[in-house]
Amino acid sequence: VLDVRIPAPGVAEVILNRPETFNRLGEKFWEEFPRCFEEIGRDKSIYVVLLKATGKHFTAGLDLQFGGSMLSSKVDDPARNGIKFLETVKYLQKSSDTIARIPQPVIACIHGGCIGG
């Protein structure tokens, strides 16, 4: 899902690489993304990160199949469903916040469509 390249000294490229799905953000993405940026954040030889994508579009956003499965609950209890929703949002937010916690600046090289998610 993510490829990491070092095209020049001090520069890391993190590349969304699922062009066949317009780089939808699915389960593997949410697992790999925080690990990838935590590792880069610890690397003192990296000074800047370029966030890129392959294919026609940067990203189609959250993979709705994945998102739907994370948000759905088999329990017919609005309170428990609300808690599950909140836990899911916190998980996704914690993963994406990793990019803000690293010391290196991150430049998003957006092309084509870029849908939230």
N, C-alpha and C. Protein backbone atom coordinates (compact mmCIF):
# COMPACT_ATOMS: atom_id res chain seq x y z
N VAL A 1 0.84 -1.19 0.00
CA VAL A 1 0.00 0.00 0.00
C VAL A 1 0.88 1.25 0.00
N LEU A 2 1.91 1.28 0.84
CA LEU A 2 2.84 2.42 0.90
C LEU A 2 4.22 1.96 0.46
N ASP A 3 4.81 2.74 -0.40
CA ASP A 3 6.21 2.53 -0.78
C ASP A 3 7.02 3.69 -0.20
N VAL A 4 8.21 3.39 0.26
CA VAL A 4 9.10 4.43 0.77
C VAL A 4 10.37 4.41 -0.06
N ARG A 5 10.76 5.58 -0.53
CA ARG A 5 11.98 5.72 -1.32
C ARG A 5 12.81 6.87 -0.76
N ILE A 6 14.09 6.77 -0.98
CA ILE A 6 15.01 7.85 -0.61
C ILE A 6 15.64 8.33 -1.92
N PRO A 7 15.02 9.33 -2.60
CA PRO A 7 15.53 9.76 -3.91
C PRO A 7 16.78 10.62 -3.85
N ALA A 8 17.03 11.21 -2.68
CA ALA A 8 18.21 12.06 -2.50
C ALA A 8 18.53 12.08 -1.01
N PRO A 9 19.77 12.38 -0.65
CA PRO A 9 20.11 12.44 0.77
C PRO A 9 19.18 13.40 1.54
N GLY A 10 18.64 12.92 2.64
CA GLY A 10 17.79 13.74 3.48
C GLY A 10 16.33 13.80 3.07
N VAL A 11 15.99 13.18 1.95
CA VAL A 11 14.62 13.25 1.42
C VAL A 11 14.00 11.85 1.40
N ALA A 12 12.82 11.73 1.99
CA ALA A 12 12.06 10.48 1.92
C ALA A 12 10.79 10.74 1.14
N GLU A 13 10.44 9.80 0.28
CA GLU A 13 9.15 9.83 -0.42
C GLU A 13 8.30 8.70 0.13
N VAL A 14 7.10 9.03 0.58
CA VAL A 14 6.12 8.03 0.98
C VAL A 14 5.06 8.06 -0.11
N ILE A 15 4.86 6.91 -0.75
CA ILE A 15 4.02 6.87 -1.95
C ILE A 15 2.82 5.94 -1.74
N LEU A 16 1.61 6.51 -1.89
CA LEU A 16 0.40 5.69 -1.90
C LEU A 16 0.44 4.90 -3.20
N ASN A 17 0.36 3.58 -3.11
CA ASN A 17 0.57 2.77 -4.31
C ASN A 17 -0.55 1.74 -4.50
N ARG A 18 -1.75 2.22 -4.65
CA ARG A 18 -2.89 1.37 -5.02
C ARG A 18 -3.67 2.07 -6.13
N PRO A 19 -3.01 2.33 -7.27
CA PRO A 19 -3.67 3.11 -8.31
C PRO A 19 -4.95 2.45 -8.85
N GLU A 20 -5.01 1.12 -8.79
CA GLU A 20 -6.20 0.42 -9.29
C GLU A 20 -7.45 0.73 -8.46
N THR A 21 -7.26 1.23 -7.24
CA THR A 21 -8.40 1.61 -6.37
C THR A 21 -8.43 3.13 -6.16
N PHE A 22 -7.68 3.86 -6.98
CA PHE A 22 -7.53 5.31 -6.81
C PHE A 22 -6.97 5.64 -5.43
N ASN A 23 -6.12 4.73 -4.93
CA ASN A 23 -5.44 4.92 -3.65
C ASN A 23 -6.40 5.11 -2.48
N ARG A 24 -7.47 4.30 -2.49
CA ARG A 24 -8.40 4.34 -1.35
C ARG A 24 -7.66 3.95 -0.09
N LEU A 25 -8.08 4.55 1.02
CA LEU A 25 -7.42 4.33 2.31
C LEU A 25 -8.13 3.20 3.04
N GLY A 26 -7.62 2.00 2.86
CA GLY A 26 -8.22 0.81 3.45
C GLY A 26 -7.48 0.33 4.68
N GLU A 27 -7.81 -0.87 5.09
CA GLU A 27 -7.27 -1.44 6.34
C GLU A 27 -5.75 -1.45 6.37
N LYS A 28 -5.12 -1.94 5.30
CA LYS A 28 -3.64 -1.99 5.29
C LYS A 28 -3.03 -0.60 5.39
N PHE A 29 -3.65 0.37 4.73
CA PHE A 29 -3.15 1.74 4.81
C PHE A 29 -3.13 2.20 6.25
N TRP A 30 -4.23 2.02 6.99
CA TRP A 30 -4.33 2.52 8.36
C TRP A 30 -3.39 1.79 9.31
N GLU A 31 -2.95 0.58 8.92
CA GLU A 31 -1.94 -0.14 9.71
C GLU A 31 -0.53 0.36 9.37
N GLU A 32 -0.25 0.52 8.08
CA GLU A 32 1.09 0.89 7.62
C GLU A 32 1.44 2.36 7.86
N PHE A 33 0.48 3.24 7.68
CA PHE A 33 0.73 4.68 7.72
C PHE A 33 1.41 5.13 9.01
N PRO A 34 0.85 4.82 10.19
CA PRO A 34 1.53 5.30 11.40
C PRO A 34 2.90 4.67 11.60
N ARG A 35 3.05 3.39 11.29
CA ARG A 35 4.36 2.74 11.44
C ARG A 35 5.39 3.39 10.52
N CYS A 36 4.98 3.66 9.30
CA CYS A 36 5.88 4.27 8.32
C CYS A 36 6.38 5.63 8.81
N PHE A 37 5.46 6.48 9.25
CA PHE A 37 5.85 7.83 9.66
C PHE A 37 6.58 7.82 11.00
N GLU A 38 6.27 6.89 11.89
CA GLU A 38 7.03 6.79 13.14
C GLU A 38 8.47 6.42 12.85
N GLU A 39 8.67 5.49 11.92
CA GLU A 39 10.02 5.08 11.55
C GLU A 39 10.79 6.24 10.92
N ILE A 40 10.15 6.96 10.03
CA ILE A 40 10.79 8.12 9.40
C ILE A 40 11.11 9.17 10.46
N GLY A 41 10.20 9.37 11.39
CA GLY A 41 10.40 10.37 12.45
C GLY A 41 11.62 10.09 13.31
N ARG A 42 11.97 8.81 13.45
CA ARG A 42 13.15 8.44 14.25
C ARG A 42 14.45 8.52 13.46
N ASP A 43 14.35 8.63 12.15
CA ASP A 43 15.52 8.64 11.28
C ASP A 43 16.10 10.04 11.19
N LYS A 44 17.20 10.27 11.87
CA LYS A 44 17.82 11.60 11.91
C LYS A 44 18.45 12.02 10.57
N SER A 45 18.58 11.07 9.65
CA SER A 45 19.16 11.42 8.35
C SER A 45 18.11 11.96 7.37
N ILE A 46 16.84 11.89 7.73
CA ILE A 46 15.76 12.39 6.88
C ILE A 46 15.39 13.80 7.35
N TYR A 47 15.39 14.75 6.42
CA TYR A 47 15.10 16.14 6.76
C TYR A 47 13.73 16.61 6.24
N VAL A 48 13.22 15.94 5.21
CA VAL A 48 11.92 16.31 4.64
C VAL A 48 11.26 15.06 4.06
N VAL A 49 9.92 15.06 4.08
CA VAL A 49 9.16 13.93 3.55
C VAL A 49 8.21 14.45 2.48
N LEU A 50 8.21 13.76 1.34
CA LEU A 50 7.26 14.06 0.27
C LEU A 50 6.21 12.96 0.27
N LEU A 51 4.95 13.32 0.42
CA LEU A 51 3.85 12.36 0.37
C LEU A 51 3.27 12.41 -1.03
N LYS A 52 3.39 11.28 -1.75
CA LYS A 52 3.01 11.22 -3.16
C LYS A 52 2.04 10.05 -3.38
N ALA A 53 1.58 9.93 -4.61
CA ALA A 53 0.70 8.81 -4.96
C ALA A 53 0.92 8.42 -6.41
N THR A 54 0.67 7.16 -6.71
CA THR A 54 0.73 6.68 -8.09
C THR A 54 -0.66 6.75 -8.69
N GLY A 55 -0.73 6.72 -10.00
CA GLY A 55 -2.02 6.68 -10.68
C GLY A 55 -2.58 8.05 -11.00
N LYS A 56 -3.82 8.03 -11.49
CA LYS A 56 -4.49 9.24 -11.98
C LYS A 56 -4.86 10.21 -10.86
N HIS A 57 -5.18 9.68 -9.69
CA HIS A 57 -5.63 10.51 -8.57
C HIS A 57 -4.76 10.29 -7.35
N PHE A 58 -4.63 11.33 -6.54
CA PHE A 58 -3.88 11.22 -5.29
C PHE A 58 -4.57 10.22 -4.36
N THR A 59 -5.83 10.44 -4.06
CA THR A 59 -6.59 9.47 -3.26
C THR A 59 -8.09 9.68 -3.42
N ALA A 60 -8.81 8.57 -3.35
CA ALA A 60 -10.27 8.61 -3.35
C ALA A 60 -10.80 8.66 -1.92
N GLY A 61 -9.90 8.77 -0.94
CA GLY A 61 -10.32 8.87 0.46
C GLY A 61 -10.55 7.52 1.10
N LEU A 62 -11.29 7.54 2.18
CA LEU A 62 -11.54 6.33 2.96
C LEU A 62 -12.20 5.25 2.11
N ASP A 63 -11.67 4.05 2.18
CA ASP A 63 -12.27 2.89 1.53
C ASP A 63 -13.59 2.61 2.27
N LEU A 64 -14.71 2.83 1.60
CA LEU A 64 -16.00 2.75 2.27
C LEU A 64 -16.34 1.34 2.74
N GLN A 65 -15.82 0.32 2.05
CA GLN A 65 -16.04 -1.05 2.54
C GLN A 65 -15.37 -1.22 3.89
N PHE A 66 -14.13 -0.78 3.99
CA PHE A 66 -13.40 -0.85 5.25
C PHE A 66 -14.07 0.03 6.30
N GLY A 67 -14.36 1.26 5.93
CA GLY A 67 -14.98 2.19 6.87
C GLY A 67 -16.32 1.68 7.37
N GLY A 68 -17.11 1.14 6.45
CA GLY A 68 -18.42 0.61 6.84
C GLY A 68 -18.30 -0.55 7.81
N SER A 69 -17.33 -1.42 7.58
CA SER A 69 -17.16 -2.56 8.48
C SER A 69 -16.66 -2.11 9.85
N MET A 70 -15.84 -1.06 9.87
CA MET A 70 -15.34 -0.55 11.15
C MET A 70 -16.44 0.14 11.94
N LEU A 71 -17.36 0.78 11.21
CA LEU A 71 -18.39 1.57 11.88
C LEU A 71 -19.65 0.78 12.19
N SER A 72 -19.85 -0.34 11.49
CA SER A 72 -21.08 -1.09 11.70
C SER A 72 -21.00 -1.89 13.00
N SER A 73 -22.16 -2.08 13.56
CA SER A 73 -22.24 -2.84 14.80
C SER A 73 -23.43 -3.78 14.70
N LYS A 74 -23.26 -4.96 15.23
CA LYS A 74 -24.34 -5.94 15.21
C LYS A 74 -25.26 -5.78 16.42
N VAL A 75 -24.97 -4.81 17.22
CA VAL A 75 -25.74 -4.57 18.44
C VAL A 75 -26.82 -3.53 18.15
N ASP A 76 -28.04 -3.81 18.57
CA ASP A 76 -29.14 -2.87 18.37
C ASP A 76 -29.27 -1.97 19.59
N ASP A 77 -28.21 -1.22 19.84
CA ASP A 77 -28.17 -0.33 21.00
C ASP A 77 -27.49 0.97 20.56
N PRO A 78 -28.24 2.05 20.45
CA PRO A 78 -27.66 3.31 19.96
C PRO A 78 -26.44 3.77 20.77
N ALA A 79 -26.45 3.55 22.07
CA ALA A 79 -25.31 3.99 22.89
C ALA A 79 -24.05 3.20 22.53
N ARG A 80 -24.18 1.89 22.42
CA ARG A 80 -23.01 1.06 22.06
C ARG A 80 -22.55 1.37 20.64
N ASN A 81 -23.50 1.62 19.74
CA ASN A 81 -23.13 1.99 18.37
C ASN A 81 -22.38 3.31 18.37
N GLY A 82 -22.82 4.25 19.20
CA GLY A 82 -22.13 5.54 19.30
C GLY A 82 -20.71 5.39 19.83
N ILE A 83 -20.55 4.50 20.82
CA ILE A 83 -19.21 4.24 21.37
C ILE A 83 -18.31 3.62 20.31
N LYS A 84 -18.84 2.67 19.54
CA LYS A 84 -18.06 2.03 18.47
C LYS A 84 -17.64 3.07 17.44
N PHE A 85 -18.56 3.94 17.08
CA PHE A 85 -18.26 5.00 16.12
C PHE A 85 -17.14 5.90 16.65
N LEU A 86 -17.24 6.31 17.90
CA LEU A 86 -16.22 7.17 18.51
C LEU A 86 -14.87 6.47 18.55
N GLU A 87 -14.84 5.20 18.91
CA GLU A 87 -13.58 4.45 18.95
C GLU A 87 -12.95 4.37 17.56
N THR A 88 -13.78 4.17 16.54
CA THR A 88 -13.28 4.09 15.17
C THR A 88 -12.68 5.42 14.73
N VAL A 89 -13.39 6.49 15.00
CA VAL A 89 -12.89 7.82 14.63
C VAL A 89 -11.57 8.11 15.34
N LYS A 90 -11.48 7.76 16.62
CA LYS A 90 -10.24 7.98 17.37
C LYS A 90 -9.08 7.17 16.78
N TYR A 91 -9.34 5.93 16.39
CA TYR A 91 -8.32 5.08 15.78
C TYR A 91 -7.81 5.71 14.48
N LEU A 92 -8.74 6.12 13.61
CA LEU A 92 -8.34 6.72 12.34
C LEU A 92 -7.61 8.04 12.56
N GLN A 93 -8.08 8.83 13.51
CA GLN A 93 -7.44 10.12 13.80
C GLN A 93 -6.04 9.93 14.36
N LYS A 94 -5.88 8.96 15.27
CA LYS A 94 -4.56 8.70 15.84
C LYS A 94 -3.58 8.28 14.75
N SER A 95 -4.05 7.45 13.83
CA SER A 95 -3.19 7.03 12.72
C SER A 95 -2.77 8.20 11.87
N SER A 96 -3.72 9.05 11.50
CA SER A 96 -3.37 10.17 10.62
C SER A 96 -2.60 11.26 11.35
N ASP A 97 -2.76 11.38 12.66
CA ASP A 97 -2.02 12.38 13.43
C ASP A 97 -0.52 12.09 13.50
N THR A 98 -0.14 10.88 13.19
CA THR A 98 1.28 10.51 13.22
C THR A 98 2.09 11.47 12.36
N ILE A 99 1.53 11.90 11.26
CA ILE A 99 2.23 12.79 10.33
C ILE A 99 2.57 14.13 11.01
N ALA A 100 1.74 14.56 11.94
CA ALA A 100 1.97 15.83 12.63
C ALA A 100 2.95 15.68 13.80
N ARG A 101 3.17 14.46 14.24
CA ARG A 101 4.04 14.24 15.40
C ARG A 101 5.51 14.05 15.05
N ILE A 102 5.81 13.87 13.77
CA ILE A 102 7.22 13.67 13.42
C ILE A 102 7.89 15.03 13.28
N PRO A 103 9.21 15.08 13.49
CA PRO A 103 9.91 16.37 13.44
C PRO A 103 10.11 16.93 12.03
N GLN A 104 10.07 16.07 11.01
CA GLN A 104 10.32 16.53 9.66
C GLN A 104 9.06 17.16 9.05
N PRO A 105 9.25 18.18 8.22
CA PRO A 105 8.11 18.71 7.47
C PRO A 105 7.67 17.69 6.42
N VAL A 106 6.36 17.64 6.18
CA VAL A 106 5.80 16.73 5.20
C VAL A 106 5.10 17.58 4.14
N ILE A 107 5.48 17.36 2.90
CA ILE A 107 4.89 18.09 1.76
C ILE A 107 4.03 17.10 0.98
N ALA A 108 2.74 17.39 0.86
CA ALA A 108 1.84 16.54 0.07
C ALA A 108 1.89 16.99 -1.37
N CYS A 109 2.29 16.09 -2.23
CA CYS A 109 2.41 16.37 -3.68
C CYS A 109 1.13 15.85 -4.35
N ILE A 110 0.08 16.64 -4.26
CA ILE A 110 -1.25 16.20 -4.70
C ILE A 110 -1.43 16.42 -6.19
N HIS A 111 -2.04 15.43 -6.83
CA HIS A 111 -2.38 15.53 -8.25
C HIS A 111 -3.74 14.87 -8.45
N GLY A 112 -4.44 15.25 -9.48
CA GLY A 112 -5.75 14.67 -9.77
C GLY A 112 -6.70 14.91 -8.61
N GLY A 113 -7.58 13.94 -8.37
CA GLY A 113 -8.54 14.07 -7.28
C GLY A 113 -7.91 13.77 -5.93
N CYS A 114 -8.37 14.47 -4.94
CA CYS A 114 -7.93 14.24 -3.56
C CYS A 114 -9.16 14.41 -2.68
N ILE A 115 -9.79 13.30 -2.34
CA ILE A 115 -11.03 13.30 -1.57
C ILE A 115 -10.68 13.08 -0.11
N GLY A 116 -11.38 13.74 0.79
CA GLY A 116 -11.13 13.61 2.23
C GLY A 116 -11.13 12.17 2.69
N GLY A 117 -10.61 11.96 3.86
CA GLY A 117 -10.61 10.59 4.37
C GLY A 117 -9.37 10.31 5.11
